Amino acid sequence: MNTYKTSEIASMIGIHPNTVRLYEESGLIPKPERQANGYRIFTDLHIAQLRLARLAFQIEVLQNGLRKKIVQMVKVSALGDYDTALLLTNEYLDQIRKERFNAEEAIEIVNQIISGESSENTLSLKRKEVSEQLNITMDALRNWEMNGLLTVKRRQNGYRVYTGEDIRRLKIIRSLRCANYSLEAILRMLSHLSKNPRADIKSILDTPKSDDDIIAVCDNLISSLADAEENAIDMIRMLKEMKKFFS
């Protein structure tokens, strides 16, 4: 098996030598043997593992423990347990596909809500009543209002009163939050819809403006999940090859 220095393997992968050392310290690659002078000795196994890790971390999908699962997979692979690594990657792939389905479904739900005629415009509900009716926590309602997703009118006594239009808006927010869209992405979509009710919701949610102050990972949720799905398929292929050549 070929051997390489830290600088050589870093150059081959396209990363800084310090990144190689960081991966070693984090347990993302096998511990390399050392020469008498203390220099690390890397092999083709390390190259394969580094390529696997780089692919695994290329798309950062954070929700519902996906990031934690893929880090665990890389560490298990670094220990040479390819069967468990394959199991974790397949679980990751299944979850990615479910998240992508949920994201697409949320957009469809929003389209249905927007296109449907509301008969609730005469509603006048208190926050607690809205919380119970929509199964949304009081904290979530406060958070959404604080982040500008909803502006609720107040009575003379200072109490908030939610109208039918507010309920419709809350249903839209709830559907998208359940699919892990960020507050920033939802706010951008609602702003666009207020100007153009026929706007392409999917495109808006998935395309942050270049001048946005905050661009969260979830702003590109669908495209990120699609890329993560492709990467997961490639990781499964790589793990099978690693199991064949390095077990």
Protein backbone atom coordinates (compact mmCIF):
# COMPACT_ATOMS: atom_id res chain seq x y z
CA MET A 1 0.00 0.00 0.00
CA ASN A 2 1.25 3.49 -0.88
CA THR A 3 2.30 5.86 1.91
CA TYR A 4 2.06 9.64 2.07
CA LYS A 5 3.13 12.57 4.22
CA THR A 6 0.61 14.98 5.76
CA SER A 7 1.34 17.65 3.14
CA GLU A 8 1.02 15.13 0.32
CA ILE A 9 -2.33 13.76 1.41
CA ALA A 10 -3.63 17.28 2.06
CA SER A 11 -2.64 18.31 -1.45
CA MET A 12 -4.32 15.25 -2.99
CA ILE A 13 -7.60 15.93 -1.20
CA GLY A 14 -7.42 19.71 -1.65
CA ILE A 15 -7.40 20.70 2.02
CA HIS A 16 -4.97 22.35 4.44
CA PRO A 17 -2.60 20.03 6.38
CA ASN A 18 -4.13 21.36 9.59
CA THR A 19 -7.50 20.02 8.42
CA VAL A 20 -6.00 16.55 8.12
CA ARG A 21 -4.76 16.81 11.71
CA LEU A 22 -8.16 18.09 12.85
CA TYR A 23 -9.89 15.12 11.21
CA GLU A 24 -7.49 12.80 12.99
CA GLU A 25 -8.08 14.46 16.37
CA SER A 26 -11.86 14.30 15.82
CA GLY A 27 -11.79 10.58 14.98
CA LEU A 28 -12.94 11.13 11.40
CA ILE A 29 -9.98 9.22 9.92
CA PRO A 30 -7.97 6.29 11.28
CA LYS A 31 -4.99 7.09 13.48
CA PRO A 32 -1.93 7.04 11.20
CA GLU A 33 1.24 5.27 12.19
CA ARG A 34 4.30 7.41 12.87
CA GLN A 35 7.91 7.28 11.82
CA ALA A 36 10.72 7.33 14.38
CA ASN A 37 10.93 11.10 13.96
CA GLY A 38 7.23 11.46 14.79
CA TYR A 39 6.03 12.20 11.26
CA ARG A 40 2.67 10.69 10.37
CA ILE A 41 2.43 7.96 7.73
CA PHE A 42 -0.79 8.00 5.72
CA THR A 43 -2.02 5.33 3.31
CA ASP A 44 -4.60 4.83 0.56
CA LEU A 45 -7.09 4.01 3.33
CA HIS A 46 -6.73 7.54 4.70
CA ILE A 47 -7.27 9.01 1.25
CA ALA A 48 -10.49 7.03 0.82
CA GLN A 49 -11.70 7.97 4.31
CA LEU A 50 -10.93 11.65 3.79
CA ARG A 51 -12.83 11.66 0.50
CA LEU A 52 -15.77 10.00 2.24
CA ALA A 53 -15.71 12.59 5.03
CA ARG A 54 -15.47 15.51 2.63
CA LEU A 55 -18.47 14.22 0.70
CA ALA A 56 -20.43 13.58 3.90
CA PHE A 57 -19.90 17.15 5.13
CA GLN A 58 -20.30 18.86 1.76
CA ILE A 59 -24.01 19.51 2.33
CA GLU A 60 -24.86 20.65 5.84
CA VAL A 61 -28.37 19.49 6.68
CA LEU A 62 -28.99 20.17 10.35
CA GLN A 63 -32.58 19.29 11.18
CA ASN A 64 -33.82 16.26 13.09
CA GLY A 65 -30.40 14.86 13.95
CA LEU A 66 -29.23 14.37 10.35
CA ARG A 67 -25.89 16.11 10.93
CA LYS A 68 -25.24 14.04 14.05
CA LYS A 69 -26.04 10.82 12.19
CA ILE A 70 -23.67 11.54 9.31
CA VAL A 71 -20.83 12.48 11.71
CA GLN A 72 -21.40 9.21 13.51
CA MET A 73 -21.24 7.35 10.21
CA VAL A 74 -17.87 8.87 9.30
CA LYS A 75 -16.42 8.02 12.71
CA VAL A 76 -17.66 4.44 12.49
CA SER A 77 -16.13 4.10 9.04
CA ALA A 78 -12.84 5.46 10.39
CA LEU A 79 -12.85 2.51 12.82
CA GLY A 80 -13.24 0.10 9.90
CA ASP A 81 -16.80 -0.95 10.76
CA TYR A 82 -18.17 -0.58 7.25
CA ASP A 83 -21.31 -2.63 7.84
CA THR A 84 -22.50 -0.24 10.57
CA ALA A 85 -21.42 2.74 8.46
CA LEU A 86 -23.52 1.42 5.58
CA LEU A 87 -26.49 0.92 7.89
CA LEU A 88 -26.20 4.50 9.19
CA THR A 89 -25.86 5.91 5.68
CA ASN A 90 -28.95 4.06 4.48
CA GLU A 91 -30.87 5.38 7.50
CA TYR A 92 -29.57 8.87 6.67
CA LEU A 93 -30.70 8.47 3.05
CA ASP A 94 -34.17 7.34 4.10
CA GLN A 95 -34.52 10.29 6.45
CA ILE A 96 -33.27 12.74 3.81
CA ARG A 97 -35.96 11.46 1.44
CA LYS A 98 -38.64 11.86 4.12
CA GLU A 99 -37.49 15.40 4.88
CA ARG A 100 -37.57 16.23 1.17
CA PHE A 101 -41.09 14.80 0.87
CA ASN A 102 -42.21 16.85 3.89
CA ALA A 103 -40.71 20.03 2.41
CA GLU A 104 -42.46 19.48 -0.92
CA GLU A 105 -45.71 18.57 0.83
CA ALA A 106 -45.59 21.74 2.93
CA ILE A 107 -45.38 23.84 -0.23
CA GLU A 108 -48.41 22.02 -1.64
CA ILE A 109 -50.33 22.64 1.59
CA VAL A 110 -49.47 26.33 1.43
CA ASN A 111 -50.64 26.50 -2.18
CA GLN A 112 -53.92 24.91 -1.16
CA ILE A 113 -54.40 27.34 1.72
CA ILE A 114 -53.64 30.33 -0.51
CA SER A 115 -55.88 29.19 -3.37
CA GLY A 116 -58.75 28.29 -1.05
CA GLU A 117 -61.38 30.83 -0.19
CA SER A 118 -61.44 31.66 3.51
CA SER A 119 -64.78 31.87 5.30
CA GLU A 120 -63.08 32.79 8.56
CA ASN A 121 -62.70 36.54 8.03
CA THR A 122 -65.28 37.26 10.71
CA LEU A 123 -63.29 35.37 13.36
CA SER A 124 -62.09 37.24 16.41
CA LEU A 125 -60.02 34.96 18.64
CA LYS A 126 -57.69 35.45 21.58
CA ARG A 127 -54.17 34.06 21.56
CA LYS A 128 -55.06 31.14 23.84
CA GLU A 129 -58.02 30.23 21.60
CA VAL A 130 -55.79 30.32 18.51
CA SER A 131 -53.19 28.18 20.29
CA GLU A 132 -55.77 25.54 21.11
CA GLN A 133 -57.53 25.64 17.73
CA LEU A 134 -54.35 25.33 15.63
CA ASN A 135 -52.35 23.25 18.14
CA ILE A 136 -49.59 25.85 18.19
CA THR A 137 -47.86 26.69 21.46
CA MET A 138 -48.20 30.16 22.94
CA ASP A 139 -44.40 30.49 22.80
CA ALA A 140 -44.42 29.74 19.06
CA LEU A 141 -47.08 32.38 18.46
CA ARG A 142 -45.03 34.95 20.39
CA ASN A 143 -41.85 33.96 18.55
CA TRP A 144 -43.44 34.25 15.12
CA GLU A 145 -44.87 37.65 15.96
CA MET A 146 -41.53 38.86 17.37
CA ASN A 147 -39.79 37.76 14.15
CA GLY A 148 -42.22 39.71 11.98
CA LEU A 149 -44.11 36.79 10.47
CA LEU A 150 -47.39 38.08 11.85
CA THR A 151 -48.73 41.44 12.98
CA VAL A 152 -51.75 41.01 15.23
CA LYS A 153 -54.18 43.83 15.90
CA ARG A 154 -55.07 44.76 19.47
CA ARG A 155 -58.28 45.81 21.10
CA GLN A 156 -58.52 48.97 23.15
CA ASN A 157 -57.75 46.94 26.28
CA GLY A 158 -54.46 45.81 24.72
CA TYR A 159 -55.45 42.20 24.12
CA ARG A 160 -54.51 40.69 20.78
CA VAL A 161 -57.33 39.64 18.48
CA TYR A 162 -56.73 37.17 15.66
CA THR A 163 -58.82 37.44 12.49
CA GLY A 164 -59.60 34.86 9.82
CA GLU A 165 -56.75 36.22 7.72
CA ASP A 166 -54.40 35.80 10.68
CA ILE A 167 -55.54 32.18 11.07
CA ARG A 168 -54.84 31.49 7.40
CA ARG A 169 -51.38 33.05 7.72
CA LEU A 170 -50.68 30.99 10.84
CA LYS A 171 -51.64 27.78 9.02
CA ILE A 172 -49.12 28.64 6.31
CA ILE A 173 -46.37 29.33 8.86
CA ARG A 174 -47.18 26.16 10.80
CA SER A 175 -47.02 23.96 7.69
CA LEU A 176 -43.64 25.34 6.64
CA ARG A 177 -42.15 25.21 10.14
CA CYS A 178 -43.21 21.56 10.44
CA ALA A 179 -41.14 20.93 7.32
CA ASN A 180 -38.17 22.75 8.92
CA TYR A 181 -38.18 25.86 6.74
CA SER A 182 -36.39 28.70 8.53
CA LEU A 183 -38.23 31.76 9.85
CA GLU A 184 -36.19 33.87 7.44
CA ALA A 185 -37.32 31.81 4.45
CA ILE A 186 -40.96 31.93 5.54
CA LEU A 187 -40.83 35.69 6.10
CA ARG A 188 -39.33 36.16 2.64
CA MET A 189 -42.12 34.06 1.12
CA LEU A 190 -44.89 35.92 2.96
CA SER A 191 -43.42 39.26 1.88
CA HIS A 192 -43.41 38.13 -1.75
CA LEU A 193 -46.96 36.82 -1.52
CA SER A 194 -48.22 40.12 -0.13
CA LYS A 195 -46.93 41.76 -3.31
CA ASN A 196 -47.74 38.93 -5.73
CA PRO A 197 -50.26 36.27 -4.59
CA ARG A 198 -49.42 34.19 -7.69
CA ALA A 199 -45.68 34.02 -6.97
CA ASP A 200 -43.87 30.68 -7.19
CA ILE A 201 -43.70 29.63 -3.53
CA LYS A 202 -41.15 26.88 -4.06
CA SER A 203 -38.77 29.19 -5.88
CA ILE A 204 -39.09 31.92 -3.25
CA LEU A 205 -38.48 29.56 -0.33
CA ASP A 206 -35.44 28.04 -2.00
CA THR A 207 -33.77 31.23 -3.22
CA PRO A 208 -32.43 33.69 -0.63
CA LYS A 209 -31.77 37.22 -1.84
CA SER A 210 -28.11 38.13 -2.24
CA ASP A 211 -28.54 41.01 0.21
CA ASP A 212 -30.28 39.01 2.95
CA ASP A 213 -28.65 39.67 6.32
CA ILE A 214 -29.30 36.11 7.45
CA ILE A 215 -29.15 33.19 5.04
CA ALA A 216 -29.94 30.04 6.97
CA VAL A 217 -29.24 26.55 5.73
CA CYS A 218 -32.97 25.88 5.58
CA ASP A 219 -33.43 28.72 3.09
CA ASN A 220 -32.18 26.28 0.45
CA LEU A 221 -33.95 23.33 2.00
CA ILE A 222 -35.24 21.45 -1.03
CA SER A 223 -32.10 21.90 -3.15
CA SER A 224 -29.90 21.06 -0.13
CA LEU A 225 -31.87 17.89 0.53
CA ALA A 226 -31.69 16.89 -3.13
CA ASP A 227 -27.90 17.36 -3.11
CA ALA A 228 -27.62 15.48 0.20
CA GLU A 229 -29.59 12.58 -1.29
CA GLU A 230 -27.19 12.33 -4.25
CA ASN A 231 -24.22 12.48 -1.90
CA ALA A 232 -25.66 9.74 0.31
CA ILE A 233 -25.98 7.45 -2.70
CA ASP A 234 -22.33 8.15 -3.57
CA MET A 235 -21.30 7.49 0.04
CA ILE A 236 -22.98 4.09 -0.02
CA ARG A 237 -21.01 3.24 -3.15
CA MET A 238 -17.76 4.46 -1.58
CA LEU A 239 -18.34 2.50 1.62
CA LYS A 240 -18.94 -0.70 -0.34
CA GLU A 241 -15.68 -0.16 -2.22
CA MET A 242 -13.82 0.58 1.03
CA LYS A 243 -15.22 -2.57 2.60
CA LYS A 244 -14.03 -4.57 -0.40
CA PHE A 245 -10.49 -3.17 -0.48
CA PHE A 246 -9.69 -2.39 3.16
CA SER A 247 -11.56 -4.93 5.29
